[in-house]
């Protein structure tokens, strides 16, 4: 009798163990225990202001919103793909979440690329980001730019300034004869029209070329001047509202997106659209504050603000460049004139 009881309880223990093992290894339990990992390609280092205030916070908020379903993992410093390859890496599934600079893909996103032409005076990241999102919602042709990924949002970085070593730029006439490093064709065309010599130089080579006197200055955002050492050599920094800043697109690989459960998709979208755009625009303000601190605290350096008259001069000089872009868009059947009219209208409204 005692032996039969032992056998009964022993069998019961084995049965409970087996049931527990099945439960623990079942797909339902496994999916609850292990979050879905998403590879987020980041171009900057983990220590950069944009990563600390933008990327890391954005990823963490999605993870929190998913309640354990997702784990967005930033891969910093271009570890997954370079700046000019990352968008295609997302389309091909190498990257799950893409963050790409529109200027790095000339001709690829024709409507959005029109935003980075001179004269619109989007010299504030919040304003630029709001305008970009409003236009994206209005224009199906702009939505088509990013049809190969699940679009999340756009944001714009601003302002752009001319950093010079010896000669301050206070008027349009002051740039005549200067050799200035640029990254965007629109800015290059504008500078050329006023007598400057624009030069396309890799960011990593800016410091050396400034040091050797090959160039007189560089046109970049504040974080670029800080990251590539321009702020150490340059003495004068002139903000030019007519110079457009870069716009960045965020998206998800379509196949990956379609496999995500609805609540995981909702978690990502809760930090996308206007919310995501504004988050990064505000991080850009913090980025600017961090990047200009050493300049603002140095009595030997000067941040120059153009007079209203000079801002108007730069804007007027930008018009022929915008007209060429309008014609280019309309030759492709795209609404060029209406698009630029809307940019000016929205900028004016948001400035109020």
C-alpha atoms as a PDB file:
ATOM      1  CA  UNK A   1       0.000   0.000   0.000  1.00  0.00           C
ATOM      2  CA  UNK A   2       2.793   2.403   0.955  1.00  0.00           C
ATOM      3  CA  UNK A   3       4.706   1.547  -2.252  1.00  0.00           C
ATOM      4  CA  UNK A   4       1.635   2.207  -4.396  1.00  0.00           C
ATOM      5  CA  UNK A   5       1.239   5.643  -2.772  1.00  0.00           C
ATOM      6  CA  UNK A   6       4.863   6.446  -3.501  1.00  0.00           C
ATOM      7  CA  UNK A   7       4.387   5.426  -7.105  1.00  0.00           C
ATOM      8  CA  UNK A   8       1.207   7.546  -7.355  1.00  0.00           C
ATOM      9  CA  UNK A   9       2.804  10.700  -5.912  1.00  0.00           C
ATOM     10  CA  UNK A  10       5.967  10.104  -7.869  1.00  0.00           C
ATOM     11  CA  UNK A  11       3.985   9.841 -11.079  1.00  0.00           C
ATOM     12  CA  UNK A  12       2.062  12.995 -10.182  1.00  0.00           C
ATOM     13  CA  UNK A  13       5.292  14.957  -9.714  1.00  0.00           C
ATOM     14  CA  UNK A  14       6.582  13.769 -13.105  1.00  0.00           C
ATOM     15  CA  UNK A  15       3.258  14.739 -14.741  1.00  0.00           C
ATOM     16  CA  UNK A  16       3.334  18.237 -13.210  1.00  0.00           C
ATOM     17  CA  UNK A  17       6.946  18.659 -14.352  1.00  0.00           C
ATOM     18  CA  UNK A  18       6.100  17.638 -17.907  1.00  0.00           C
ATOM     19  CA  UNK A  19       3.088  19.961 -18.065  1.00  0.00           C
ATOM     20  CA  UNK A  20       5.247  22.829 -16.769  1.00  0.00           C
ATOM     21  CA  UNK A  21       7.966  22.094 -19.326  1.00  0.00           C
ATOM     22  CA  UNK A  22       5.447  22.152 -22.159  1.00  0.00           C
ATOM     23  CA  UNK A  23       3.983  25.439 -20.884  1.00  0.00           C
ATOM     24  CA  UNK A  24       7.368  27.103 -20.475  1.00  0.00           C
ATOM     25  CA  UNK A  25       8.476  26.159 -23.982  1.00  0.00           C
ATOM     26  CA  UNK A  26       5.168  26.942 -25.678  1.00  0.00           C
ATOM     27  CA  UNK A  27       5.145  29.771 -28.310  1.00  0.00           C
ATOM     28  CA  UNK A  28       2.678  31.809 -26.233  1.00  0.00           C
ATOM     29  CA  UNK A  29       4.916  31.833 -23.156  1.00  0.00           C
ATOM     30  CA  UNK A  30       8.093  32.325 -25.196  1.00  0.00           C
ATOM     31  CA  UNK A  31       6.671  35.349 -27.014  1.00  0.00           C
ATOM     32  CA  UNK A  32       5.566  36.858 -23.710  1.00  0.00           C
ATOM     33  CA  UNK A  33       8.977  36.314 -22.145  1.00  0.00           C
ATOM     34  CA  UNK A  34      11.187  37.367 -25.053  1.00  0.00           C
ATOM     35  CA  UNK A  35      10.539  40.706 -26.799  1.00  0.00           C
ATOM     36  CA  UNK A  36      10.768  41.139 -30.572  1.00  0.00           C
ATOM     37  CA  UNK A  37      14.107  42.790 -31.316  1.00  0.00           C
ATOM     38  CA  UNK A  38      14.286  45.582 -33.898  1.00  0.00           C
ATOM     39  CA  UNK A  39      17.661  46.747 -35.242  1.00  0.00           C
ATOM     40  CA  UNK A  40      17.732  50.554 -35.335  1.00  0.00           C
ATOM     41  CA  UNK A  41      20.527  51.959 -37.516  1.00  0.00           C
ATOM     42  CA  UNK A  42      22.036  55.138 -36.049  1.00  0.00           C
ATOM     43  CA  UNK A  43      24.717  57.141 -37.848  1.00  0.00           C
ATOM     44  CA  UNK A  44      26.097  59.062 -34.857  1.00  0.00           C
ATOM     45  CA  UNK A  45      28.121  57.743 -31.938  1.00  0.00           C
ATOM     46  CA  UNK A  46      26.361  56.773 -28.713  1.00  0.00           C
ATOM     47  CA  UNK A  47      28.006  59.750 -26.960  1.00  0.00           C
ATOM     48  CA  UNK A  48      26.695  62.388 -29.392  1.00  0.00           C
ATOM     49  CA  UNK A  49      24.015  64.820 -28.285  1.00  0.00           C
ATOM     50  CA  UNK A  50      21.641  63.538 -30.992  1.00  0.00           C
ATOM     51  CA  UNK A  51      22.018  59.976 -29.749  1.00  0.00           C
ATOM     52  CA  UNK A  52      21.662  60.835 -26.066  1.00  0.00           C
ATOM     53  CA  UNK A  53      18.739  63.230 -26.423  1.00  0.00           C
ATOM     54  CA  UNK A  54      17.148  61.834 -29.571  1.00  0.00           C
ATOM     55  CA  UNK A  55      17.792  58.207 -30.535  1.00  0.00           C
ATOM     56  CA  UNK A  56      18.205  56.593 -27.108  1.00  0.00           C
ATOM     57  CA  UNK A  57      15.131  58.313 -25.660  1.00  0.00           C
ATOM     58  CA  UNK A  58      12.981  57.529 -28.719  1.00  0.00           C
ATOM     59  CA  UNK A  59      13.908  53.826 -28.652  1.00  0.00           C
ATOM     60  CA  UNK A  60      13.308  53.585 -24.898  1.00  0.00           C
ATOM     61  CA  UNK A  61       9.853  55.182 -25.199  1.00  0.00           C
ATOM     62  CA  UNK A  62       8.806  52.681 -27.871  1.00  0.00           C
ATOM     63  CA  UNK A  63      10.012  49.799 -25.701  1.00  0.00           C
ATOM     64  CA  UNK A  64       8.049  51.190 -22.774  1.00  0.00           C
ATOM     65  CA  UNK A  65       4.907  51.735 -24.860  1.00  0.00           C
ATOM     66  CA  UNK A  66       5.066  48.138 -26.128  1.00  0.00           C
ATOM     67  CA  UNK A  67       4.907  46.794 -22.535  1.00  0.00           C
ATOM     68  CA  UNK A  68       7.665  44.304 -23.181  1.00  0.00           C
ATOM     69  CA  UNK A  69       6.615  43.245 -26.676  1.00  0.00           C
ATOM     70  CA  UNK A  70       9.429  45.155 -28.424  1.00  0.00           C
ATOM     71  CA  UNK A  71      13.081  45.860 -27.887  1.00  0.00           C
ATOM     72  CA  UNK A  72      14.363  48.560 -30.224  1.00  0.00           C
ATOM     73  CA  UNK A  73      18.165  48.257 -30.227  1.00  0.00           C
ATOM     74  CA  UNK A  74      20.167  51.227 -31.561  1.00  0.00           C
ATOM     75  CA  UNK A  75      23.353  50.270 -33.446  1.00  0.00           C
ATOM     76  CA  UNK A  76      25.473  53.412 -33.218  1.00  0.00           C
ATOM     77  CA  UNK A  77      28.193  54.854 -35.425  1.00  0.00           C
ATOM     78  CA  UNK A  78      26.910  53.390 -38.694  1.00  0.00           C
ATOM     79  CA  UNK A  79      27.640  49.851 -37.473  1.00  0.00           C
ATOM     80  CA  UNK A  80      24.911  48.324 -39.660  1.00  0.00           C
ATOM     81  CA  UNK A  81      25.237  50.516 -42.758  1.00  0.00           C
ATOM     82  CA  UNK A  82      26.808  53.770 -43.937  1.00  0.00           C
ATOM     83  CA  UNK A  83      24.953  57.057 -44.339  1.00  0.00           C
ATOM     84  CA  UNK A  84      24.444  56.549 -48.088  1.00  0.00           C
ATOM     85  CA  UNK A  85      23.576  52.852 -47.846  1.00  0.00           C
ATOM     86  CA  UNK A  86      21.295  52.717 -44.803  1.00  0.00           C
ATOM     87  CA  UNK A  87      18.004  53.366 -46.623  1.00  0.00           C
ATOM     88  CA  UNK A  88      18.527  50.457 -49.014  1.00  0.00           C
ATOM     89  CA  UNK A  89      19.723  48.345 -46.079  1.00  0.00           C
ATOM     90  CA  UNK A  90      16.289  48.874 -44.529  1.00  0.00           C
ATOM     91  CA  UNK A  91      14.460  48.007 -47.753  1.00  0.00           C
ATOM     92  CA  UNK A  92      16.516  44.802 -47.990  1.00  0.00           C
ATOM     93  CA  UNK A  93      15.952  43.790 -44.360  1.00  0.00           C
ATOM     94  CA  UNK A  94      19.501  44.308 -43.074  1.00  0.00           C
ATOM     95  CA  UNK A  95      18.123  47.118 -40.925  1.00  0.00           C
ATOM     96  CA  UNK A  96      14.695  47.057 -39.256  1.00  0.00           C
ATOM     97  CA  UNK A  97      14.365  50.774 -38.475  1.00  0.00           C
ATOM     98  CA  UNK A  98      16.040  53.346 -40.715  1.00  0.00           C
ATOM     99  CA  UNK A  99      17.080  56.919 -39.975  1.00  0.00           C
ATOM    100  CA  UNK A 100      18.409  58.498 -43.168  1.00  0.00           C
ATOM    101  CA  UNK A 101      19.386  61.989 -44.323  1.00  0.00           C
ATOM    102  CA  UNK A 102      17.465  63.014 -47.461  1.00  0.00           C
ATOM    103  CA  UNK A 103      20.436  65.009 -48.936  1.00  0.00           C
ATOM    104  CA  UNK A 104      22.484  61.788 -49.059  1.00  0.00           C
ATOM    105  CA  UNK A 105      20.140  60.435 -51.745  1.00  0.00           C
ATOM    106  CA  UNK A 106      20.023  63.064 -54.533  1.00  0.00           C
ATOM    107  CA  UNK A 107      17.153  62.453 -56.955  1.00  0.00           C
ATOM    108  CA  UNK A 108      15.726  59.620 -54.844  1.00  0.00           C
ATOM    109  CA  UNK A 109      13.055  61.630 -53.006  1.00  0.00           C
ATOM    110  CA  UNK A 110      12.174  64.452 -55.450  1.00  0.00           C
ATOM    111  CA  UNK A 111       9.362  66.139 -53.499  1.00  0.00           C
ATOM    112  CA  UNK A 112      11.080  65.982 -50.113  1.00  0.00           C
ATOM    113  CA  UNK A 113      14.362  67.065 -51.690  1.00  0.00           C
ATOM    114  CA  UNK A 114      12.658  70.301 -52.732  1.00  0.00           C
ATOM    115  CA  UNK A 115      12.516  71.185 -49.024  1.00  0.00           C
ATOM    116  CA  UNK A 116      16.297  71.507 -48.953  1.00  0.00           C
ATOM    117  CA  UNK A 117      16.469  74.283 -51.537  1.00  0.00           C
ATOM    118  CA  UNK A 118      17.481  77.818 -50.474  1.00  0.00           C
ATOM    119  CA  UNK A 119      15.135  80.648 -49.623  1.00  0.00           C
ATOM    120  CA  UNK A 120      12.404  79.018 -47.534  1.00  0.00           C
ATOM    121  CA  UNK A 121      13.976  80.335 -44.309  1.00  0.00           C
ATOM    122  CA  UNK A 122      13.180  77.310 -42.151  1.00  0.00           C
ATOM    123  CA  UNK A 123      15.903  78.184 -39.650  1.00  0.00           C
ATOM    124  CA  UNK A 124      14.282  76.509 -36.638  1.00  0.00           C
ATOM    125  CA  UNK A 125      14.059  72.699 -36.247  1.00  0.00           C
ATOM    126  CA  UNK A 126      10.547  72.764 -34.744  1.00  0.00           C
ATOM    127  CA  UNK A 127       9.250  74.967 -37.564  1.00  0.00           C
ATOM    128  CA  UNK A 128      11.024  72.882 -40.231  1.00  0.00           C
ATOM    129  CA  UNK A 129       9.683  69.612 -38.816  1.00  0.00           C
ATOM    130  CA  UNK A 130       6.112  70.898 -38.570  1.00  0.00           C
ATOM    131  CA  UNK A 131       6.201  72.154 -42.161  1.00  0.00           C
ATOM    132  CA  UNK A 132       7.600  68.841 -43.430  1.00  0.00           C
ATOM    133  CA  UNK A 133       4.894  66.785 -41.711  1.00  0.00           C
ATOM    134  CA  UNK A 134       2.096  69.089 -42.912  1.00  0.00           C
ATOM    135  CA  UNK A 135       3.325  68.812 -46.501  1.00  0.00           C
ATOM    136  CA  UNK A 136       3.723  65.039 -46.254  1.00  0.00           C
ATOM    137  CA  UNK A 137       0.099  64.658 -45.199  1.00  0.00           C
ATOM    138  CA  UNK A 138      -1.135  66.949 -47.994  1.00  0.00           C
ATOM    139  CA  UNK A 139       0.856  65.645 -50.972  1.00  0.00           C
ATOM    140  CA  UNK A 140       0.474  62.023 -52.182  1.00  0.00           C
ATOM    141  CA  UNK A 141       3.506  62.674 -54.420  1.00  0.00           C
ATOM    142  CA  UNK A 142       5.597  63.297 -51.290  1.00  0.00           C
ATOM    143  CA  UNK A 143       4.200  60.168 -49.637  1.00  0.00           C
ATOM    144  CA  UNK A 144       5.331  58.274 -52.732  1.00  0.00           C
ATOM    145  CA  UNK A 145       8.945  59.291 -51.993  1.00  0.00           C
ATOM    146  CA  UNK A 146       9.046  56.772 -49.133  1.00  0.00           C
ATOM    147  CA  UNK A 147       6.758  54.048 -50.476  1.00  0.00           C
ATOM    148  CA  UNK A 148       9.452  51.346 -50.130  1.00  0.00           C
ATOM    149  CA  UNK A 149       9.373  51.470 -46.327  1.00  0.00           C
ATOM    150  CA  UNK A 150       6.715  51.845 -43.661  1.00  0.00           C
ATOM    151  CA  UNK A 151       6.995  55.617 -43.195  1.00  0.00           C
ATOM    152  CA  UNK A 152       7.131  56.874 -39.600  1.00  0.00           C
ATOM    153  CA  UNK A 153       7.998  60.586 -39.776  1.00  0.00           C
ATOM    154  CA  UNK A 154      10.291  63.348 -41.039  1.00  0.00           C
ATOM    155  CA  UNK A 155      12.147  65.971 -39.078  1.00  0.00           C
ATOM    156  CA  UNK A 156      14.338  68.898 -40.085  1.00  0.00           C
ATOM    157  CA  UNK A 157      17.580  70.139 -38.565  1.00  0.00           C
ATOM    158  CA  UNK A 158      18.317  73.872 -38.544  1.00  0.00           C
ATOM    159  CA  UNK A 159      19.880  76.400 -38.691  1.00  0.00           C
ATOM    160  CA  UNK A 160      22.879  76.306 -41.014  1.00  0.00           C
ATOM    161  CA  UNK A 161      25.732  78.750 -40.480  1.00  0.00           C
ATOM    162  CA  UNK A 162      28.892  79.854 -42.270  1.00  0.00           C
ATOM    163  CA  UNK A 163      31.928  79.310 -40.059  1.00  0.00           C
ATOM    164  CA  UNK A 164      34.962  81.339 -41.175  1.00  0.00           C
ATOM    165  CA  UNK A 165      38.502  81.512 -39.825  1.00  0.00           C
ATOM    166  CA  UNK A 166      39.590  85.065 -40.716  1.00  0.00           C
ATOM    167  CA  UNK A 167      36.838  87.083 -42.387  1.00  0.00           C
ATOM    168  CA  UNK A 168      33.443  87.698 -40.757  1.00  0.00           C
ATOM    169  CA  UNK A 169      30.362  87.401 -42.962  1.00  0.00           C
ATOM    170  CA  UNK A 170      27.927  90.201 -42.132  1.00  0.00           C
ATOM    171  CA  UNK A 171      26.555  90.864 -45.613  1.00  0.00           C
ATOM    172  CA  UNK A 172      26.030  88.978 -48.866  1.00  0.00           C
ATOM    173  CA  UNK A 173      29.010  90.857 -50.302  1.00  0.00           C
ATOM    174  CA  UNK A 174      31.350  89.474 -47.622  1.00  0.00           C
ATOM    175  CA  UNK A 175      31.255  85.953 -49.083  1.00  0.00           C
ATOM    176  CA  UNK A 176      32.658  87.066 -52.424  1.00  0.00           C
ATOM    177  CA  UNK A 177      35.950  85.278 -53.086  1.00  0.00           C
ATOM    178  CA  UNK A 178      35.637  82.916 -50.105  1.00  0.00           C
ATOM    179  CA  UNK A 179      36.251  79.194 -50.560  1.00  0.00           C
ATOM    180  CA  UNK A 180      33.523  77.534 -48.541  1.00  0.00           C
ATOM    181  CA  UNK A 181      32.879  73.870 -47.894  1.00  0.00           C
ATOM    182  CA  UNK A 182      29.269  72.853 -48.628  1.00  0.00           C
ATOM    183  CA  UNK A 183      27.268  69.616 -48.612  1.00  0.00           C
ATOM    184  CA  UNK A 184      24.165  70.600 -50.576  1.00  0.00           C
ATOM    185  CA  UNK A 185      23.911  71.605 -54.221  1.00  0.00           C
ATOM    186  CA  UNK A 186      21.293  74.288 -53.510  1.00  0.00           C
ATOM    187  CA  UNK A 187      23.613  76.100 -51.079  1.00  0.00           C
ATOM    188  CA  UNK A 188      26.489  75.689 -53.538  1.00  0.00           C
ATOM    189  CA  UNK A 189      24.427  77.292 -56.328  1.00  0.00           C
ATOM    190  CA  UNK A 190      23.448  80.202 -54.078  1.00  0.00           C
ATOM    191  CA  UNK A 191      27.031  80.841 -52.965  1.00  0.00           C
ATOM    192  CA  UNK A 192      28.287  80.638 -56.535  1.00  0.00           C
ATOM    193  CA  UNK A 193      25.734  83.251 -57.596  1.00  0.00           C
ATOM    194  CA  UNK A 194      27.222  85.766 -55.125  1.00  0.00           C
ATOM    195  CA  UNK A 195      30.864  85.155 -56.035  1.00  0.00           C
ATOM    196  CA  UNK A 196      31.961  82.506 -53.540  1.00  0.00           C
ATOM    197  CA  UNK A 197      33.705  79.260 -54.471  1.00  0.00           C
ATOM    198  CA  UNK A 198      31.772  76.312 -53.008  1.00  0.00           C
ATOM    199  CA  UNK A 199      33.771  73.136 -52.440  1.00  0.00           C
ATOM    200  CA  UNK A 200      32.419  69.652 -51.762  1.00  0.00           C
ATOM    201  CA  UNK A 201      34.677  68.117 -49.110  1.00  0.00           C
ATOM    202  CA  UNK A 202      34.047  65.099 -46.877  1.00  0.00           C
ATOM    203  CA  UNK A 203      33.194  66.092 -43.280  1.00  0.00           C
ATOM    204  CA  UNK A 204      36.219  64.189 -41.944  1.00  0.00           C
ATOM    205  CA  UNK A 205      38.525  66.368 -44.095  1.00  0.00           C
ATOM    206  CA  UNK A 206      37.101  69.772 -43.104  1.00  0.00           C
ATOM    207  CA  UNK A 207      39.459  70.381 -40.167  1.00  0.00           C
ATOM    208  CA  UNK A 208      42.612  69.596 -42.161  1.00  0.00           C
ATOM    209  CA  UNK A 209      41.526  71.796 -45.092  1.00  0.00           C
ATOM    210  CA  UNK A 210      40.702  74.687 -42.776  1.00  0.00           C
ATOM    211  CA  UNK A 211      44.007  74.264 -40.962  1.00  0.00           C
ATOM    212  CA  UNK A 212      45.982  74.307 -44.222  1.00  0.00           C
ATOM    213  CA  UNK A 213      44.023  77.234 -45.622  1.00  0.00           C
ATOM    214  CA  UNK A 214      42.648  75.216 -48.547  1.00  0.00           C
ATOM    215  CA  UNK A 215      39.200  76.531 -47.580  1.00  0.00           C
ATOM    216  CA  UNK A 216      38.230  79.727 -45.757  1.00  0.00           C
ATOM    217  CA  UNK A 217      35.192  78.305 -44.022  1.00  0.00           C
ATOM    218  CA  UNK A 218      32.474  75.692 -43.871  1.00  0.00           C
ATOM    219  CA  UNK A 219      28.654  75.725 -44.137  1.00  0.00           C
ATOM    220  CA  UNK A 220      27.039  73.279 -41.705  1.00  0.00           C
ATOM    221  CA  UNK A 221      24.660  72.893 -38.802  1.00  0.00           C
ATOM    222  CA  UNK A 222      25.995  73.665 -35.327  1.00  0.00           C
ATOM    223  CA  UNK A 223      26.430  70.009 -34.421  1.00  0.00           C
ATOM    224  CA  UNK A 224      28.526  69.524 -37.579  1.00  0.00           C
ATOM    225  CA  UNK A 225      30.822  72.433 -36.676  1.00  0.00           C
ATOM    226  CA  UNK A 226      31.246  70.861 -33.243  1.00  0.00           C
ATOM    227  CA  UNK A 227      31.665  67.250 -34.388  1.00  0.00           C
ATOM    228  CA  UNK A 228      34.282  67.972 -37.061  1.00  0.00           C
ATOM    229  CA  UNK A 229      36.324  70.576 -35.180  1.00  0.00           C
ATOM    230  CA  UNK A 230      35.347  73.674 -37.165  1.00  0.00           C
ATOM    231  CA  UNK A 231      34.468  75.445 -33.910  1.00  0.00           C
ATOM    232  CA  UNK A 232      38.102  75.092 -32.772  1.00  0.00           C
ATOM    233  CA  UNK A 233      39.561  76.863 -35.815  1.00  0.00           C
ATOM    234  CA  UNK A 234      36.822  79.243 -36.925  1.00  0.00           C
ATOM    235  CA  UNK A 235      36.370  82.616 -35.256  1.00  0.00           C
ATOM    236  CA  UNK A 236      33.116  83.806 -36.871  1.00  0.00           C
ATOM    237  CA  UNK A 237      29.800  81.976 -37.232  1.00  0.00           C
ATOM    238  CA  UNK A 238      27.053  83.541 -39.350  1.00  0.00           C
ATOM    239  CA  UNK A 239      23.541  82.068 -39.315  1.00  0.00           C
ATOM    240  CA  UNK A 240      21.981  82.321 -42.804  1.00  0.00           C
ATOM    241  CA  UNK A 241      18.206  81.605 -42.673  1.00  0.00           C
ATOM    242  CA  UNK A 242      18.092  81.181 -46.469  1.00  0.00           C
ATOM    243  CA  UNK A 243      20.347  78.124 -46.177  1.00  0.00           C
ATOM    244  CA  UNK A 244      18.224  74.976 -45.831  1.00  0.00           C
ATOM    245  CA  UNK A 245      19.034  72.380 -43.203  1.00  0.00           C
ATOM    246  CA  UNK A 246      18.888  68.636 -43.873  1.00  0.00           C
ATOM    247  CA  UNK A 247      15.708  66.608 -43.421  1.00  0.00           C
ATOM    248  CA  UNK A 248      15.740  63.083 -42.006  1.00  0.00           C
ATOM    249  CA  UNK A 249      13.298  60.241 -42.638  1.00  0.00           C
ATOM    250  CA  UNK A 250      12.420  57.407 -40.251  1.00  0.00           C
ATOM    251  CA  UNK A 251      10.892  54.164 -41.496  1.00  0.00           C
ATOM    252  CA  UNK A 252      10.550  50.423 -40.883  1.00  0.00           C
ATOM    253  CA  UNK A 253      11.277  47.511 -43.209  1.00  0.00           C
ATOM    254  CA  UNK A 254       7.881  46.600 -44.702  1.00  0.00           C
ATOM    255  CA  UNK A 255       8.173  42.825 -44.285  1.00  0.00           C
ATOM    256  CA  UNK A 256       9.205  43.267 -40.640  1.00  0.00           C
ATOM    257  CA  UNK A 257       6.364  45.709 -40.044  1.00  0.00           C
ATOM    258  CA  UNK A 258       3.746  43.351 -41.476  1.00  0.00           C
ATOM    259  CA  UNK A 259       4.891  40.567 -39.130  1.00  0.00           C
ATOM    260  CA  UNK A 260       4.526  42.687 -35.996  1.00  0.00           C
ATOM    261  CA  UNK A 261       1.401  42.166 -33.868  1.00  0.00           C
ATOM    262  CA  UNK A 262      -1.020  45.137 -33.866  1.00  0.00           C
ATOM    263  CA  UNK A 263      -0.160  46.223 -30.331  1.00  0.00           C
ATOM    264  CA  UNK A 264       3.553  46.331 -31.230  1.00  0.00           C
ATOM    265  CA  UNK A 265       2.757  48.415 -34.326  1.00  0.00           C
ATOM    266  CA  UNK A 266       0.673  50.753 -32.172  1.00  0.00           C
ATOM    267  CA  UNK A 267       3.597  51.187 -29.769  1.00  0.00           C
ATOM    268  CA  UNK A 268       5.853  52.318 -32.628  1.00  0.00           C
ATOM    269  CA  UNK A 269       3.207  54.644 -34.069  1.00  0.00           C
ATOM    270  CA  UNK A 270       2.633  56.208 -30.636  1.00  0.00           C
ATOM    271  CA  UNK A 271       6.147  57.663 -30.960  1.00  0.00           C
ATOM    272  CA  UNK A 272       5.889  58.445 -34.680  1.00  0.00           C
ATOM    273  CA  UNK A 273       4.058  61.018 -36.806  1.00  0.00           C
ATOM    274  CA  UNK A 274       3.982  64.496 -35.240  1.00  0.00           C
ATOM    275  CA  UNK A 275       5.064  63.070 -31.859  1.00  0.00           C
ATOM    276  CA  UNK A 276       8.282  61.570 -33.228  1.00  0.00           C
ATOM    277  CA  UNK A 277       8.986  64.580 -35.424  1.00  0.00           C
ATOM    278  CA  UNK A 278       8.597  67.002 -32.526  1.00  0.00           C
ATOM    279  CA  UNK A 279      10.702  64.804 -30.230  1.00  0.00           C
ATOM    280  CA  UNK A 280      13.635  65.007 -32.642  1.00  0.00           C
ATOM    281  CA  UNK A 281      13.080  68.702 -33.355  1.00  0.00           C
ATOM    282  CA  UNK A 282      13.346  69.404 -29.635  1.00  0.00           C
ATOM    283  CA  UNK A 283      16.417  67.199 -29.369  1.00  0.00           C
ATOM    284  CA  UNK A 284      17.906  69.324 -32.184  1.00  0.00           C
ATOM    285  CA  UNK A 285      17.404  72.441 -30.050  1.00  0.00           C
ATOM    286  CA  UNK A 286      19.313  70.737 -27.230  1.00  0.00           C
ATOM    287  CA  UNK A 287      21.931  69.621 -29.754  1.00  0.00           C
ATOM    288  CA  UNK A 288      22.398  73.243 -30.866  1.00  0.00           C
ATOM    289  CA  UNK A 289      22.688  74.395 -27.258  1.00  0.00           C
ATOM    290  CA  UNK A 290      25.379  71.779 -26.552  1.00  0.00           C
ATOM    291  CA  UNK A 291      27.290  72.481 -29.776  1.00  0.00           C
ATOM    292  CA  UNK A 292      27.408  76.268 -29.325  1.00  0.00           C
ATOM    293  CA  UNK A 293      28.331  76.335 -25.642  1.00  0.00           C
ATOM    294  CA  UNK A 294      32.093  76.617 -26.226  1.00  0.00           C
ATOM    295  CA  UNK A 295      31.565  79.307 -28.872  1.00  0.00           C
ATOM    296  CA  UNK A 296      29.193  81.363 -26.705  1.00  0.00           C
ATOM    297  CA  UNK A 297      31.598  81.200 -23.770  1.00  0.00           C
ATOM    298  CA  UNK A 298      34.649  82.243 -25.798  1.00  0.00           C
ATOM    299  CA  UNK A 299      35.181  86.043 -26.050  1.00  0.00           C
ATOM    300  CA  UNK A 300      37.430  85.529 -29.103  1.00  0.00           C
ATOM    301  CA  UNK A 301      34.587  83.992 -31.134  1.00  0.00           C
ATOM    302  CA  UNK A 302      31.442  85.624 -32.501  1.00  0.00           C
ATOM    303  CA  UNK A 303      28.017  84.379 -33.545  1.00  0.00           C
ATOM    304  CA  UNK A 304      26.736  86.835 -36.155  1.00  0.00           C
ATOM    305  CA  UNK A 305      23.025  87.414 -36.766  1.00  0.00           C
ATOM    306  CA  UNK A 306      22.160  88.964 -40.087  1.00  0.00           C
ATOM    307  CA  UNK A 307      20.073  92.120 -40.242  1.00  0.00           C
ATOM    308  CA  UNK A 308      16.494  91.840 -41.608  1.00  0.00           C
ATOM    309  CA  UNK A 309      17.687  93.591 -44.780  1.00  0.00           C
ATOM    310  CA  UNK A 310      20.447  91.047 -45.322  1.00  0.00           C
ATOM    311  CA  UNK A 311      18.065  88.149 -44.693  1.00  0.00           C
ATOM    312  CA  UNK A 312      15.811  89.594 -47.413  1.00  0.00           C
ATOM    313  CA  UNK A 313      18.785  89.893 -49.799  1.00  0.00           C
ATOM    314  CA  UNK A 314      19.682  86.213 -49.365  1.00  0.00           C
ATOM    315  CA  UNK A 315      16.027  85.245 -49.828  1.00  0.00           C
ATOM    316  CA  UNK A 316      15.740  87.258 -53.038  1.00  0.00           C
ATOM    317  CA  UNK A 317      18.929  85.721 -54.414  1.00  0.00           C
ATOM    318  CA  UNK A 318      17.458  82.274 -53.755  1.00  0.00           C
ATOM    319  CA  UNK A 319      14.468  82.788 -56.070  1.00  0.00           C
ATOM    320  CA  UNK A 320      16.156  81.750 -59.355  1.00  0.00           C
ATOM    321  CA  UNK A 321      17.311  78.499 -57.711  1.00  0.00           C
ATOM    322  CA  UNK A 322      13.787  77.788 -56.504  1.00  0.00           C
ATOM    323  CA  UNK A 323      12.391  78.548 -59.968  1.00  0.00           C
ATOM    324  CA  UNK A 324      14.730  75.970 -61.500  1.00  0.00           C
ATOM    325  CA  UNK A 325      13.593  73.377 -58.968  1.00  0.00           C
ATOM    326  CA  UNK A 326       9.923  74.176 -59.670  1.00  0.00           C
ATOM    327  CA  UNK A 327      10.467  73.628 -63.398  1.00  0.00           C
ATOM    328  CA  UNK A 328      12.314  70.394 -62.713  1.00  0.00           C
ATOM    329  CA  UNK A 329       9.475  69.052 -60.555  1.00  0.00           C
ATOM    330  CA  UNK A 330       6.771  70.102 -63.008  1.00  0.00           C
ATOM    331  CA  UNK A 331       8.631  68.494 -65.924  1.00  0.00           C
ATOM    332  CA  UNK A 332       8.109  65.215 -64.024  1.00  0.00           C
ATOM    333  CA  UNK A 333       4.405  65.911 -63.536  1.00  0.00           C
ATOM    334  CA  UNK A 334       4.859  66.958 -59.899  1.00  0.00           C
ATOM    335  CA  UNK A 335       3.149  70.008 -58.310  1.00  0.00           C
ATOM    336  CA  UNK A 336       6.242  72.228 -58.061  1.00  0.00           C
ATOM    337  CA  UNK A 337       4.786  75.733 -57.844  1.00  0.00           C
ATOM    338  CA  UNK A 338       1.965  74.755 -55.508  1.00  0.00           C
ATOM    339  CA  UNK A 339       4.443  72.918 -53.279  1.00  0.00           C
ATOM    340  CA  UNK A 340       6.761  75.932 -52.919  1.00  0.00           C
ATOM    341  CA  UNK A 341       3.800  78.268 -52.397  1.00  0.00           C
ATOM    342  CA  UNK A 342       2.639  76.022 -49.558  1.00  0.00           C
ATOM    343  CA  UNK A 343       6.127  75.992 -48.005  1.00  0.00           C
ATOM    344  CA  UNK A 344       6.167  79.809 -47.882  1.00  0.00           C
ATOM    345  CA  UNK A 345       2.608  79.948 -46.569  1.00  0.00           C
ATOM    346  CA  UNK A 346       3.274  77.422 -43.782  1.00  0.00           C
ATOM    347  CA  UNK A 347       6.552  79.083 -42.753  1.00  0.00           C
ATOM    348  CA  UNK A 348       4.743  82.416 -42.500  1.00  0.00           C
ATOM    349  CA  UNK A 349       1.918  80.900 -40.433  1.00  0.00           C
ATOM    350  CA  UNK A 350       4.236  79.078 -38.027  1.00  0.00           C
ATOM    351  CA  UNK A 351       6.403  82.153 -37.510  1.00  0.00           C
ATOM    352  CA  UNK A 352       3.372  83.917 -36.041  1.00  0.00           C
END
